[in-house]
């Protein structure tokens, strides 16, 4: 089960929180499987990674879990945010769908 559960405008979603010094992200097979299964059944869940070198935040949907674990930030397709405010704006737009 992911680290954070949020309900925004009546829509629940989960965030698996990770940090990365530069590129590598340590995800367990269980974390990848849980998020992919939840997503496949219509749930919203994401991997949220903070990169230490510049404090940027990266948001990945569960389908990117295997690539994220294998190749790190440079090998997965996600969204990069320079601030927490920008991340929240993006999540609010997803919750409004």
Protein backbone atom coordinates (compact mmCIF):
# COMPACT_ATOMS: atom_id res chain seq x y z
CA UNK A 1 0.00 0.00 0.00
CA UNK A 2 1.39 3.46 -0.93
CA UNK A 3 2.54 6.09 1.55
CA UNK A 4 -0.15 8.76 1.19
CA UNK A 5 -3.91 8.60 0.59
CA UNK A 6 -5.60 11.83 -0.54
CA UNK A 7 -9.21 12.65 -1.32
CA UNK A 8 -9.49 15.74 -3.49
CA UNK A 9 -12.91 16.98 -4.59
CA UNK A 10 -14.33 13.56 -3.79
CA UNK A 11 -11.70 11.65 -5.81
CA UNK A 12 -9.36 9.37 -3.88
CA UNK A 13 -5.82 8.73 -4.99
CA UNK A 14 -2.59 7.30 -3.62
CA UNK A 15 1.00 8.52 -3.76
CA UNK A 16 4.06 6.30 -3.36
CA UNK A 17 6.78 8.70 -2.16
CA UNK A 18 10.39 8.20 -3.25
CA UNK A 19 13.59 10.20 -3.37
CA UNK A 20 16.47 10.09 -5.78
CA UNK A 21 19.96 11.53 -5.42
CA UNK A 22 20.33 11.97 -9.18
CA UNK A 23 18.54 9.30 -11.24
CA UNK A 24 18.01 5.91 -9.55
CA UNK A 25 14.67 5.17 -7.86
CA UNK A 26 14.32 2.21 -5.51
CA UNK A 27 10.91 0.57 -6.11
CA UNK A 28 10.07 -2.91 -4.90
CA UNK A 29 8.20 -5.40 -7.11
CA UNK A 30 5.35 -5.25 -4.56
CA UNK A 31 5.07 -1.44 -4.88
CA UNK A 32 4.98 -1.67 -8.66
CA UNK A 33 2.40 -4.49 -8.64
CA UNK A 34 0.09 -2.83 -6.11
CA UNK A 35 0.02 0.46 -8.01
CA UNK A 36 -0.49 -1.19 -11.39
CA UNK A 37 -3.33 -3.39 -10.07
CA UNK A 38 -5.07 -0.41 -8.43
CA UNK A 39 -4.69 1.65 -11.62
CA UNK A 40 -5.95 -1.21 -13.82
CA UNK A 41 -9.17 -1.25 -11.79
CA UNK A 42 -9.78 2.46 -12.32
CA UNK A 43 -8.03 3.87 -9.24
CA UNK A 44 -5.75 6.88 -9.29
CA UNK A 45 -2.25 6.27 -7.96
CA UNK A 46 1.14 7.74 -8.70
CA UNK A 47 4.83 7.50 -7.92
CA UNK A 48 6.07 10.87 -6.65
CA UNK A 49 9.86 11.25 -6.68
CA UNK A 50 11.88 14.15 -5.30
CA UNK A 51 15.30 14.59 -6.89
CA UNK A 52 17.78 15.78 -4.26
CA UNK A 53 20.14 17.73 -6.54
CA UNK A 54 17.54 20.35 -7.46
CA UNK A 55 14.47 19.49 -5.33
CA UNK A 56 12.36 18.96 -8.44
CA UNK A 57 9.36 16.68 -8.13
CA UNK A 58 8.47 14.01 -10.69
CA UNK A 59 5.06 12.38 -10.99
CA UNK A 60 4.65 9.03 -12.75
CA UNK A 61 1.55 6.97 -13.35
CA UNK A 62 1.74 3.29 -12.32
CA UNK A 63 2.38 2.06 -15.86
CA UNK A 64 5.81 3.69 -15.59
CA UNK A 65 6.76 1.71 -12.46
CA UNK A 66 8.82 -0.97 -14.23
CA UNK A 67 10.76 1.60 -16.29
CA UNK A 68 11.27 3.79 -13.23
CA UNK A 69 12.68 0.87 -11.23
CA UNK A 70 14.85 -0.32 -14.13
CA UNK A 71 16.16 2.96 -15.56
CA UNK A 72 15.36 5.65 -13.00
CA UNK A 73 14.13 9.14 -13.72
CA UNK A 74 15.76 9.22 -17.15
CA UNK A 75 14.06 6.01 -18.29
CA UNK A 76 10.42 6.67 -17.42
CA UNK A 77 7.84 9.08 -18.81
CA UNK A 78 6.43 11.43 -16.22
CA UNK A 79 5.83 15.05 -15.36
CA UNK A 80 8.49 17.28 -13.79
CA UNK A 81 7.57 20.10 -11.41
CA UNK A 82 9.82 22.79 -10.00
CA UNK A 83 7.48 23.54 -7.10
CA UNK A 84 4.91 21.90 -4.87
CA UNK A 85 2.34 24.45 -6.06
CA UNK A 86 2.78 23.34 -9.68
CA UNK A 87 2.39 19.70 -8.64
CA UNK A 88 -0.83 20.46 -6.73
CA UNK A 89 -2.24 22.34 -9.74
CA UNK A 90 -1.57 19.28 -11.89
CA UNK A 91 -3.13 16.90 -9.36
CA UNK A 92 -6.18 19.17 -9.04
CA UNK A 93 -6.69 19.00 -12.81
CA UNK A 94 -6.48 15.19 -12.68
CA UNK A 95 -8.96 15.05 -9.81
CA UNK A 96 -11.41 17.23 -11.77
CA UNK A 97 -11.66 14.68 -14.59
